[in-house]
Every structure is written in structure tokens, then in C-alpha cells.
Amino acid sequence: MTDQTSTRRNRPAGKLHSIGELAERWGVSTRTLQRQIKSGALRAHRIGRLVRVSEADAADFLKKNRDE
């Protein structure tokens, strides 16, 4: 396996969203999402100082936190 293949595996699938984008989309504060990331409930990718959430991780978070 080459280094390039290994790198491709670790890439998040789908679009990456900023905390601000998700907060606006979900109608919550950015601080709420930051707390969820810090607690480990919402997976995030750190790119330098930027924090991004993949579409798959956002969908998984919503699925796990749905009231039934």
C-alpha cells in the first residue's frame, strides 16, 4: 500500500461543513456544536485551525440524537 492510498482512506466522504454552516442549518448556536465536538458526540476534522464536519458525521450525529 502506498502513502497516497493510505491518505485517501482517511479522507472524509462527502462535503465538509463549517460549524457556522451547521449551526445555521440546524437552528442552534455555534457554541452548542463546539460543546458537542468537545464531548465527542459530534465527530469533526481539524484542518489547521479550521474545524469541519463531514456530511456523513453530521447525518450520523442527527440519527443518534433523534427523539423517537
PDB file of N, CA and C in Angstrom:
ATOM      1  N   MET A   1       0.850  -1.173   0.000  1.00  0.00           N
ATOM      2  CA  MET A   1       0.000   0.000   0.000  1.00  0.00           C
ATOM      3  C   MET A   1       0.896   1.237   0.000  1.00  0.00           C
ATOM      4  N   THR A   2       0.595   2.181  -0.869  1.00  0.00           N
ATOM      5  CA  THR A   2       1.398   3.392  -0.946  1.00  0.00           C
ATOM      6  C   THR A   2       0.884   4.426   0.040  1.00  0.00           C
ATOM      7  N   ASP A   3       1.700   5.445   0.282  1.00  0.00           N
ATOM      8  CA  ASP A   3       1.275   6.529   1.170  1.00  0.00           C
ATOM      9  C   ASP A   3       0.049   7.234   0.622  1.00  0.00           C
ATOM     10  N   GLN A   4      -0.027   7.372  -0.712  1.00  0.00           N
ATOM     11  CA  GLN A   4      -1.160   8.042  -1.320  1.00  0.00           C
ATOM     12  C   GLN A   4      -2.461   7.278  -1.067  1.00  0.00           C
ATOM     13  N   THR A   5      -2.427   5.964  -1.177  1.00  0.00           N
ATOM     14  CA  THR A   5      -3.607   5.151  -0.921  1.00  0.00           C
ATOM     15  C   THR A   5      -4.046   5.299   0.530  1.00  0.00           C
ATOM     16  N   SER A   6      -3.085   5.282   1.439  1.00  0.00           N
ATOM     17  CA  SER A   6      -3.389   5.428   2.855  1.00  0.00           C
ATOM     18  C   SER A   6      -4.051   6.777   3.138  1.00  0.00           C
ATOM     19  N   THR A   7      -3.567   7.834   2.497  1.00  0.00           N
ATOM     20  CA  THR A   7      -4.130   9.166   2.688  1.00  0.00           C
ATOM     21  C   THR A   7      -5.563   9.219   2.201  1.00  0.00           C
ATOM     22  N   ARG A   8      -5.850   8.600   1.072  1.00  0.00           N
ATOM     23  CA  ARG A   8      -7.213   8.611   0.534  1.00  0.00           C
ATOM     24  C   ARG A   8      -8.198   7.947   1.481  1.00  0.00           C
ATOM     25  N   ARG A   9      -7.780   6.921   2.152  1.00  0.00           N
ATOM     26  CA  ARG A   9      -8.657   6.207   3.076  1.00  0.00           C
ATOM     27  C   ARG A   9      -9.104   7.074   4.238  1.00  0.00           C
ATOM     28  N   ASN A  10      -8.235   7.969   4.690  1.00  0.00           N
ATOM     29  CA  ASN A  10      -8.523   8.782   5.861  1.00  0.00           C
ATOM     30  C   ASN A  10      -9.322  10.034   5.540  1.00  0.00           C
ATOM     31  N   ARG A  11      -9.596  10.281   4.276  1.00  0.00           N
ATOM     32  CA  ARG A  11     -10.363  11.461   3.903  1.00  0.00           C
ATOM     33  C   ARG A  11     -11.836  11.248   4.226  1.00  0.00           C
ATOM     34  N   PRO A  12     -12.482  12.291   4.733  1.00  0.00           N
ATOM     35  CA  PRO A  12     -13.913  12.173   4.992  1.00  0.00           C
ATOM     36  C   PRO A  12     -14.680  12.098   3.684  1.00  0.00           C
ATOM     37  N   ALA A  13     -15.738  11.328   3.688  1.00  0.00           N
ATOM     38  CA  ALA A  13     -16.569  11.206   2.491  1.00  0.00           C
ATOM     39  C   ALA A  13     -17.583  12.339   2.461  1.00  0.00           C
ATOM     40  N   GLY A  14     -17.804  12.889   1.312  1.00  0.00           N
ATOM     41  CA  GLY A  14     -18.813  13.935   1.166  1.00  0.00           C
ATOM     42  C   GLY A  14     -18.287  15.313   1.496  1.00  0.00           C
ATOM     43  N   LYS A  15     -19.197  16.250   1.482  1.00  0.00           N
ATOM     44  CA  LYS A  15     -18.872  17.652   1.718  1.00  0.00           C
ATOM     45  C   LYS A  15     -18.495  17.899   3.177  1.00  0.00           C
ATOM     46  N   LEU A  16     -17.608  18.853   3.384  1.00  0.00           N
ATOM     47  CA  LEU A  16     -17.254  19.274   4.732  1.00  0.00           C
ATOM     48  C   LEU A  16     -17.971  20.580   5.041  1.00  0.00           C
ATOM     49  N   HIS A  17     -18.566  20.665   6.235  1.00  0.00           N
ATOM     50  CA  HIS A  17     -19.312  21.846   6.658  1.00  0.00           C
ATOM     51  C   HIS A  17     -18.587  22.540   7.803  1.00  0.00           C
ATOM     52  N   SER A  18     -18.655  23.861   7.803  1.00  0.00           N
ATOM     53  CA  SER A  18     -18.117  24.615   8.935  1.00  0.00           C
ATOM     54  C   SER A  18     -19.120  24.538  10.088  1.00  0.00           C
ATOM     55  N   ILE A  19     -18.656  24.880  11.264  1.00  0.00           N
ATOM     56  CA  ILE A  19     -19.528  24.899  12.440  1.00  0.00           C
ATOM     57  C   ILE A  19     -20.657  25.916  12.220  1.00  0.00           C
ATOM     58  N   GLY A  20     -20.317  27.052  11.640  1.00  0.00           N
ATOM     59  CA  GLY A  20     -21.317  28.090  11.376  1.00  0.00           C
ATOM     60  C   GLY A  20     -22.401  27.625  10.416  1.00  0.00           C
ATOM     61  N   GLU A  21     -21.995  26.904   9.375  1.00  0.00           N
ATOM     62  CA  GLU A  21     -22.973  26.386   8.410  1.00  0.00           C
ATOM     63  C   GLU A  21     -23.945  25.426   9.081  1.00  0.00           C
ATOM     64  N   LEU A  22     -23.404  24.499   9.868  1.00  0.00           N
ATOM     65  CA  LEU A  22     -24.270  23.527  10.535  1.00  0.00           C
ATOM     66  C   LEU A  22     -25.165  24.190  11.576  1.00  0.00           C
ATOM     67  N   ALA A  23     -24.622  25.149  12.317  1.00  0.00           N
ATOM     68  CA  ALA A  23     -25.415  25.838  13.338  1.00  0.00           C
ATOM     69  C   ALA A  23     -26.606  26.535  12.698  1.00  0.00           C
ATOM     70  N   GLU A  24     -26.371  27.202  11.585  1.00  0.00           N
ATOM     71  CA  GLU A  24     -27.461  27.893  10.890  1.00  0.00           C
ATOM     72  C   GLU A  24     -28.465  26.885  10.339  1.00  0.00           C
ATOM     73  N   ARG A  25     -27.970  25.826   9.747  1.00  0.00           N
ATOM     74  CA  ARG A  25     -28.829  24.798   9.157  1.00  0.00           C
ATOM     75  C   ARG A  25     -29.707  24.125  10.203  1.00  0.00           C
ATOM     76  N   TRP A  26     -29.140  23.873  11.394  1.00  0.00           N
ATOM     77  CA  TRP A  26     -29.856  23.151  12.442  1.00  0.00           C
ATOM     78  C   TRP A  26     -30.570  24.071  13.431  1.00  0.00           C
ATOM     79  N   GLY A  27     -30.343  25.378  13.329  1.00  0.00           N
ATOM     80  CA  GLY A  27     -31.017  26.323  14.223  1.00  0.00           C
ATOM     81  C   GLY A  27     -30.496  26.279  15.651  1.00  0.00           C
ATOM     82  N   VAL A  28     -29.189  26.070  15.796  1.00  0.00           N
ATOM     83  CA  VAL A  28     -28.558  26.066  17.119  1.00  0.00           C
ATOM     84  C   VAL A  28     -27.376  27.022  17.087  1.00  0.00           C
ATOM     85  N   SER A  29     -26.793  27.282  18.245  1.00  0.00           N
ATOM     86  CA  SER A  29     -25.640  28.176  18.297  1.00  0.00           C
ATOM     87  C   SER A  29     -24.355  27.420  17.939  1.00  0.00           C
ATOM     88  N   THR A  30     -23.363  28.176  17.524  1.00  0.00           N
ATOM     89  CA  THR A  30     -22.070  27.559  17.232  1.00  0.00           C
ATOM     90  C   THR A  30     -21.475  26.975  18.505  1.00  0.00           C
ATOM     91  N   ARG A  31     -21.732  27.624  19.622  1.00  0.00           N
ATOM     92  CA  ARG A  31     -21.219  27.137  20.915  1.00  0.00           C
ATOM     93  C   ARG A  31     -21.791  25.755  21.240  1.00  0.00           C
ATOM     94  N   THR A  32     -23.049  25.545  20.931  1.00  0.00           N
ATOM     95  CA  THR A  32     -23.672  24.232  21.164  1.00  0.00           C
ATOM     96  C   THR A  32     -22.928  23.157  20.384  1.00  0.00           C
ATOM     97  N   LEU A  33     -22.634  23.434  19.119  1.00  0.00           N
ATOM     98  CA  LEU A  33     -21.919  22.445  18.306  1.00  0.00           C
ATOM     99  C   LEU A  33     -20.486  22.255  18.804  1.00  0.00           C
ATOM    100  N   GLN A  34     -19.853  23.324  19.242  1.00  0.00           N
ATOM    101  CA  GLN A  34     -18.495  23.200  19.786  1.00  0.00           C
ATOM    102  C   GLN A  34     -18.484  22.300  21.015  1.00  0.00           C
ATOM    103  N   ARG A  35     -19.501  22.425  21.860  1.00  0.00           N
ATOM    104  CA  ARG A  35     -19.595  21.553  23.036  1.00  0.00           C
ATOM    105  C   ARG A  35     -19.796  20.096  22.631  1.00  0.00           C
ATOM    106  N   GLN A  36     -20.617  19.870  21.610  1.00  0.00           N
ATOM    107  CA  GLN A  36     -20.853  18.507  21.135  1.00  0.00           C
ATOM    108  C   GLN A  36     -19.568  17.901  20.563  1.00  0.00           C
ATOM    109  N   ILE A  37     -18.786  18.701  19.871  1.00  0.00           N
ATOM    110  CA  ILE A  37     -17.500  18.227  19.326  1.00  0.00           C
ATOM    111  C   ILE A  37     -16.540  17.916  20.467  1.00  0.00           C
ATOM    112  N   LYS A  38     -16.453  18.824  21.430  1.00  0.00           N
ATOM    113  CA  LYS A  38     -15.542  18.627  22.562  1.00  0.00           C
ATOM    114  C   LYS A  38     -15.887  17.375  23.364  1.00  0.00           C
ATOM    115  N   SER A  39     -17.185  17.084  23.492  1.00  0.00           N
ATOM    116  CA  SER A  39     -17.610  15.910  24.257  1.00  0.00           C
ATOM    117  C   SER A  39     -17.415  14.611  23.473  1.00  0.00           C
ATOM    118  N   GLY A  40     -17.204  14.739  22.167  1.00  0.00           N
ATOM    119  CA  GLY A  40     -17.027  13.546  21.341  1.00  0.00           C
ATOM    120  C   GLY A  40     -18.311  13.050  20.707  1.00  0.00           C
ATOM    121  N   ALA A  41     -19.418  13.725  20.973  1.00  0.00           N
ATOM    122  CA  ALA A  41     -20.695  13.303  20.411  1.00  0.00           C
ATOM    123  C   ALA A  41     -20.779  13.587  18.913  1.00  0.00           C
ATOM    124  N   LEU A  42     -20.125  14.658  18.469  1.00  0.00           N
ATOM    125  CA  LEU A  42     -20.103  15.040  17.058  1.00  0.00           C
ATOM    126  C   LEU A  42     -18.657  14.983  16.580  1.00  0.00           C
ATOM    127  N   ARG A  43     -18.382  14.112  15.622  1.00  0.00           N
ATOM    128  CA  ARG A  43     -17.019  13.985  15.091  1.00  0.00           C
ATOM    129  C   ARG A  43     -16.696  15.165  14.197  1.00  0.00           C
ATOM    130  N   ALA A  44     -15.471  15.644  14.292  1.00  0.00           N
ATOM    131  CA  ALA A  44     -15.031  16.777  13.485  1.00  0.00           C
ATOM    132  C   ALA A  44     -13.614  16.531  12.986  1.00  0.00           C
ATOM    133  N   HIS A  45     -13.279  17.228  11.925  1.00  0.00           N
ATOM    134  CA  HIS A  45     -11.945  17.158  11.335  1.00  0.00           C
ATOM    135  C   HIS A  45     -11.285  18.512  11.541  1.00  0.00           C
ATOM    136  N   ARG A  46     -10.083  18.499  12.044  1.00  0.00           N
ATOM    137  CA  ARG A  46      -9.345  19.742  12.236  1.00  0.00           C
ATOM    138  C   ARG A  46      -8.333  19.873  11.112  1.00  0.00           C
ATOM    139  N   ILE A  47      -8.430  20.995  10.414  1.00  0.00           N
ATOM    140  CA  ILE A  47      -7.525  21.291   9.313  1.00  0.00           C
ATOM    141  C   ILE A  47      -6.832  22.588   9.693  1.00  0.00           C
ATOM    142  N   GLY A  48      -5.664  22.451  10.267  1.00  0.00           N
ATOM    143  CA  GLY A  48      -5.012  23.632  10.825  1.00  0.00           C
ATOM    144  C   GLY A  48      -5.863  24.150  11.968  1.00  0.00           C
ATOM    145  N   ARG A  49      -6.283  25.398  11.863  1.00  0.00           N
ATOM    146  CA  ARG A  49      -7.145  25.979  12.891  1.00  0.00           C
ATOM    147  C   ARG A  49      -8.627  25.852  12.550  1.00  0.00           C
ATOM    148  N   LEU A  50      -8.915  25.338  11.353  1.00  0.00           N
ATOM    149  CA  LEU A  50     -10.307  25.187  10.919  1.00  0.00           C
ATOM    150  C   LEU A  50     -10.903  23.897  11.464  1.00  0.00           C
ATOM    151  N   VAL A  51     -12.175  23.935  11.759  1.00  0.00           N
ATOM    152  CA  VAL A  51     -12.896  22.747  12.202  1.00  0.00           C
ATOM    153  C   VAL A  51     -14.003  22.496  11.200  1.00  0.00           C
ATOM    154  N   ARG A  52     -14.055  21.290  10.682  1.00  0.00           N
ATOM    155  CA  ARG A  52     -15.063  20.940   9.691  1.00  0.00           C
ATOM    156  C   ARG A  52     -15.721  19.621  10.082  1.00  0.00           C
ATOM    157  N   VAL A  53     -16.992  19.481   9.722  1.00  0.00           N
ATOM    158  CA  VAL A  53     -17.761  18.270   9.998  1.00  0.00           C
ATOM    159  C   VAL A  53     -18.208  17.706   8.651  1.00  0.00           C
ATOM    160  N   SER A  54     -17.940  16.428   8.436  1.00  0.00           N
ATOM    161  CA  SER A  54     -18.348  15.820   7.166  1.00  0.00           C
ATOM    162  C   SER A  54     -19.855  15.605   7.156  1.00  0.00           C
ATOM    163  N   GLU A  55     -20.397  15.512   5.962  1.00  0.00           N
ATOM    164  CA  GLU A  55     -21.834  15.263   5.794  1.00  0.00           C
ATOM    165  C   GLU A  55     -22.223  13.957   6.477  1.00  0.00           C
ATOM    166  N   ALA A  56     -21.363  12.935   6.345  1.00  0.00           N
ATOM    167  CA  ALA A  56     -21.644  11.630   6.957  1.00  0.00           C
ATOM    168  C   ALA A  56     -21.664  11.722   8.477  1.00  0.00           C
ATOM    169  N   ASP A  57     -20.714  12.452   9.066  1.00  0.00           N
ATOM    170  CA  ASP A  57     -20.673  12.596  10.527  1.00  0.00           C
ATOM    171  C   ASP A  57     -21.862  13.408  11.040  1.00  0.00           C
ATOM    172  N   ALA A  58     -22.268  14.432  10.274  1.00  0.00           N
ATOM    173  CA  ALA A  58     -23.434  15.228  10.660  1.00  0.00           C
ATOM    174  C   ALA A  58     -24.693  14.361  10.640  1.00  0.00           C
ATOM    175  N   ALA A  59     -24.838  13.560   9.593  1.00  0.00           N
ATOM    176  CA  ALA A  59     -26.014  12.685   9.486  1.00  0.00           C
ATOM    177  C   ALA A  59     -26.020  11.645  10.607  1.00  0.00           C
ATOM    178  N   ASP A  60     -24.857  11.108  10.924  1.00  0.00           N
ATOM    179  CA  ASP A  60     -24.751  10.120  11.996  1.00  0.00           C
ATOM    180  C   ASP A  60     -25.129  10.739  13.345  1.00  0.00           C
ATOM    181  N   PHE A  61     -24.660  11.954  13.593  1.00  0.00           N
ATOM    182  CA  PHE A  61     -24.982  12.661  14.831  1.00  0.00           C
ATOM    183  C   PHE A  61     -26.488  12.868  14.958  1.00  0.00           C
ATOM    184  N   LEU A  62     -27.115  13.320  13.881  1.00  0.00           N
ATOM    185  CA  LEU A  62     -28.563  13.550  13.910  1.00  0.00           C
ATOM    186  C   LEU A  62     -29.325  12.253  14.140  1.00  0.00           C
ATOM    187  N   LYS A  63     -28.867  11.204  13.503  1.00  0.00           N
ATOM    188  CA  LYS A  63     -29.523   9.893  13.650  1.00  0.00           C
ATOM    189  C   LYS A  63     -29.451   9.398  15.098  1.00  0.00           C
ATOM    190  N   LYS A  64     -28.286   9.557  15.719  1.00  0.00           N
ATOM    191  CA  LYS A  64     -28.089   9.090  17.094  1.00  0.00           C
ATOM    192  C   LYS A  64     -28.844   9.942  18.109  1.00  0.00           C
ATOM    193  N   ASN A  65     -29.137  11.184  17.771  1.00  0.00           N
ATOM    194  CA  ASN A  65     -29.742  12.115  18.729  1.00  0.00           C
ATOM    195  C   ASN A  65     -31.196  12.446  18.399  1.00  0.00           C
ATOM    196  N   ARG A  66     -31.835  11.588  17.675  1.00  0.00           N
ATOM    197  CA  ARG A  66     -33.242  11.809  17.293  1.00  0.00           C
ATOM    198  C   ARG A  66     -34.155  11.294  18.409  1.00  0.00           C
ATOM    199  N   ASP A  67     -35.163  12.091  18.727  1.00  0.00           N
ATOM    200  CA  ASP A  67     -36.197  11.650  19.678  1.00  0.00           C
ATOM    201  C   ASP A  67     -37.141  10.716  18.955  1.00  0.00           C
ATOM    202  N   GLU A  68     -37.482   9.646  19.598  1.00  0.00           N
ATOM    203  CA  GLU A  68     -38.432   8.707  18.994  1.00  0.00           C
ATOM    204  C   GLU A  68     -39.581   8.456  19.930  1.00  0.00           C
TER     205      GLU A  68
END
